Amino acid sequence: MASLKTISRRPAASARTYRSVDEMLRGHGYRRVADAVRQLSAKTKLIDQLIVARVAAGLTQAQMAAKLRCSQSRISKIEDSQDADLSLGDIQAYARIVGLKLKLDLR
């Protein structure tokens, strides 16, 4: 059995310290990470707008859930999903509560 002294979670003495996450990622797949973030961001533009509107309205997820008569975990799942996962009904209800008008434009 290993003693507690041999199981250490401390970084090695030669571990490098970075000034920022950006600096840490450079040279370690930075472009891959940046590309993945851009792709995810493109898939959550509508959800991001809904979250910003909820926060601007001064509502927590729990308060939003109460107004929509659902659970807080449902709001969390909505906000943690991608735009393609949303239903039109969810978007309408969410927008109504936070004071947004939904405009659907098909061309």
Protein backbone atom coordinates (compact mmCIF):
# COMPACT_ATOMS: atom_id res chain seq x y z
CA MET A 1 0.00 0.00 0.00
CA ALA A 2 1.37 3.45 -0.94
CA SER A 3 1.97 5.95 1.79
CA LEU A 4 0.34 9.37 1.68
CA LYS A 5 3.72 10.93 1.05
CA THR A 6 4.10 9.16 -2.29
CA ILE A 7 0.67 10.24 -3.54
CA SER A 8 0.97 13.95 -4.12
CA ARG A 9 -1.28 16.18 -6.20
CA ARG A 10 1.16 19.06 -6.12
CA PRO A 11 2.59 20.13 -9.46
CA ALA A 12 6.19 19.23 -10.11
CA ALA A 13 8.73 21.89 -9.21
CA SER A 14 9.50 22.36 -12.90
CA ALA A 15 5.83 23.05 -13.81
CA ARG A 16 5.44 26.19 -15.87
CA THR A 17 3.22 29.06 -14.75
CA TYR A 18 1.16 30.88 -17.39
CA ARG A 19 -0.17 34.42 -17.25
CA SER A 20 -3.40 33.54 -19.07
CA VAL A 21 -5.36 30.66 -20.58
CA ASP A 22 -4.54 32.07 -24.00
CA GLU A 23 -0.81 31.81 -23.27
CA MET A 24 -1.24 28.27 -21.96
CA LEU A 25 -3.08 27.12 -25.06
CA ARG A 26 -0.60 28.56 -27.54
CA GLY A 27 1.44 25.68 -28.84
CA HIS A 28 -0.94 23.15 -27.29
CA GLY A 29 -3.61 22.92 -29.96
CA TYR A 30 -4.71 26.55 -29.61
CA ARG A 31 -6.19 26.64 -33.09
CA ARG A 32 -8.17 23.45 -32.49
CA VAL A 33 -9.60 24.84 -29.26
CA ALA A 34 -10.40 28.20 -30.86
CA ASP A 35 -12.09 26.47 -33.81
CA ALA A 36 -14.18 24.31 -31.46
CA VAL A 37 -15.26 27.38 -29.48
CA ARG A 38 -16.22 29.20 -32.70
CA GLN A 39 -18.24 26.21 -33.91
CA LEU A 40 -20.10 25.90 -30.62
CA SER A 41 -20.73 29.64 -30.51
CA ALA A 42 -22.31 29.49 -33.96
CA LYS A 43 -24.67 26.78 -32.70
CA THR A 44 -25.84 28.73 -29.64
CA LYS A 45 -26.46 32.28 -30.91
CA LEU A 46 -30.18 32.24 -30.13
CA ILE A 47 -29.71 30.63 -26.73
CA ASP A 48 -27.03 33.18 -25.89
CA GLN A 49 -29.50 35.98 -26.69
CA LEU A 50 -32.16 34.38 -24.48
CA ILE A 51 -29.73 34.02 -21.57
CA VAL A 52 -28.57 37.63 -21.90
CA ALA A 53 -32.21 38.79 -22.00
CA ARG A 54 -33.08 36.73 -18.89
CA VAL A 55 -30.14 38.14 -16.96
CA ALA A 56 -30.92 41.69 -18.17
CA ALA A 57 -34.49 41.21 -16.94
CA GLY A 58 -33.02 40.39 -13.53
CA LEU A 59 -34.35 36.84 -13.50
CA THR A 60 -32.61 33.77 -12.14
CA GLN A 61 -33.21 30.39 -13.71
CA ALA A 62 -35.48 29.53 -10.78
CA GLN A 63 -37.56 32.70 -11.27
CA MET A 64 -37.77 32.04 -15.00
CA ALA A 65 -38.94 28.50 -14.28
CA ALA A 66 -41.66 29.77 -11.96
CA LYS A 67 -42.94 32.15 -14.63
CA LEU A 68 -42.91 29.39 -17.25
CA ARG A 69 -44.39 26.86 -14.79
CA CYS A 70 -41.59 24.38 -15.22
CA SER A 71 -38.58 23.24 -13.19
CA GLN A 72 -35.32 25.13 -12.87
CA SER A 73 -33.57 22.10 -14.32
CA ARG A 74 -35.70 22.49 -17.48
CA ILE A 75 -34.44 26.09 -17.85
CA SER A 76 -30.89 24.86 -17.28
CA LYS A 77 -31.31 22.22 -20.00
CA ILE A 78 -32.72 24.81 -22.42
CA GLU A 79 -29.83 27.18 -21.75
CA ASP A 80 -27.27 24.38 -22.01
CA SER A 81 -28.51 23.08 -25.36
CA GLN A 82 -27.95 24.17 -28.94
CA ASP A 83 -30.25 26.36 -31.02
CA ALA A 84 -31.36 23.42 -33.15
CA ASP A 85 -32.67 21.67 -30.02
CA LEU A 86 -35.13 24.47 -29.16
CA SER A 87 -38.80 24.26 -30.00
CA LEU A 88 -40.64 27.27 -31.35
CA GLY A 89 -42.91 27.10 -28.29
CA ASP A 90 -39.93 27.30 -25.92
CA ILE A 91 -38.55 30.29 -27.80
CA GLN A 92 -41.93 32.09 -27.79
CA ALA A 93 -42.53 31.53 -24.09
CA TYR A 94 -39.01 32.51 -23.11
CA ALA A 95 -39.12 35.66 -25.25
CA ARG A 96 -42.50 36.68 -23.83
CA ILE A 97 -41.29 36.42 -20.22
CA VAL A 98 -38.13 38.49 -20.82
CA GLY A 99 -39.95 41.12 -22.86
CA LEU A 100 -38.68 40.24 -26.32
CA LYS A 101 -40.77 40.07 -29.45
CA LEU A 102 -40.29 37.06 -31.64
CA LYS A 103 -40.07 37.78 -35.36
CA LEU A 104 -39.86 34.80 -37.70
CA ASP A 105 -38.73 35.59 -41.20
CA LEU A 106 -38.62 32.88 -43.83
CA ARG A 107 -37.18 33.79 -47.22
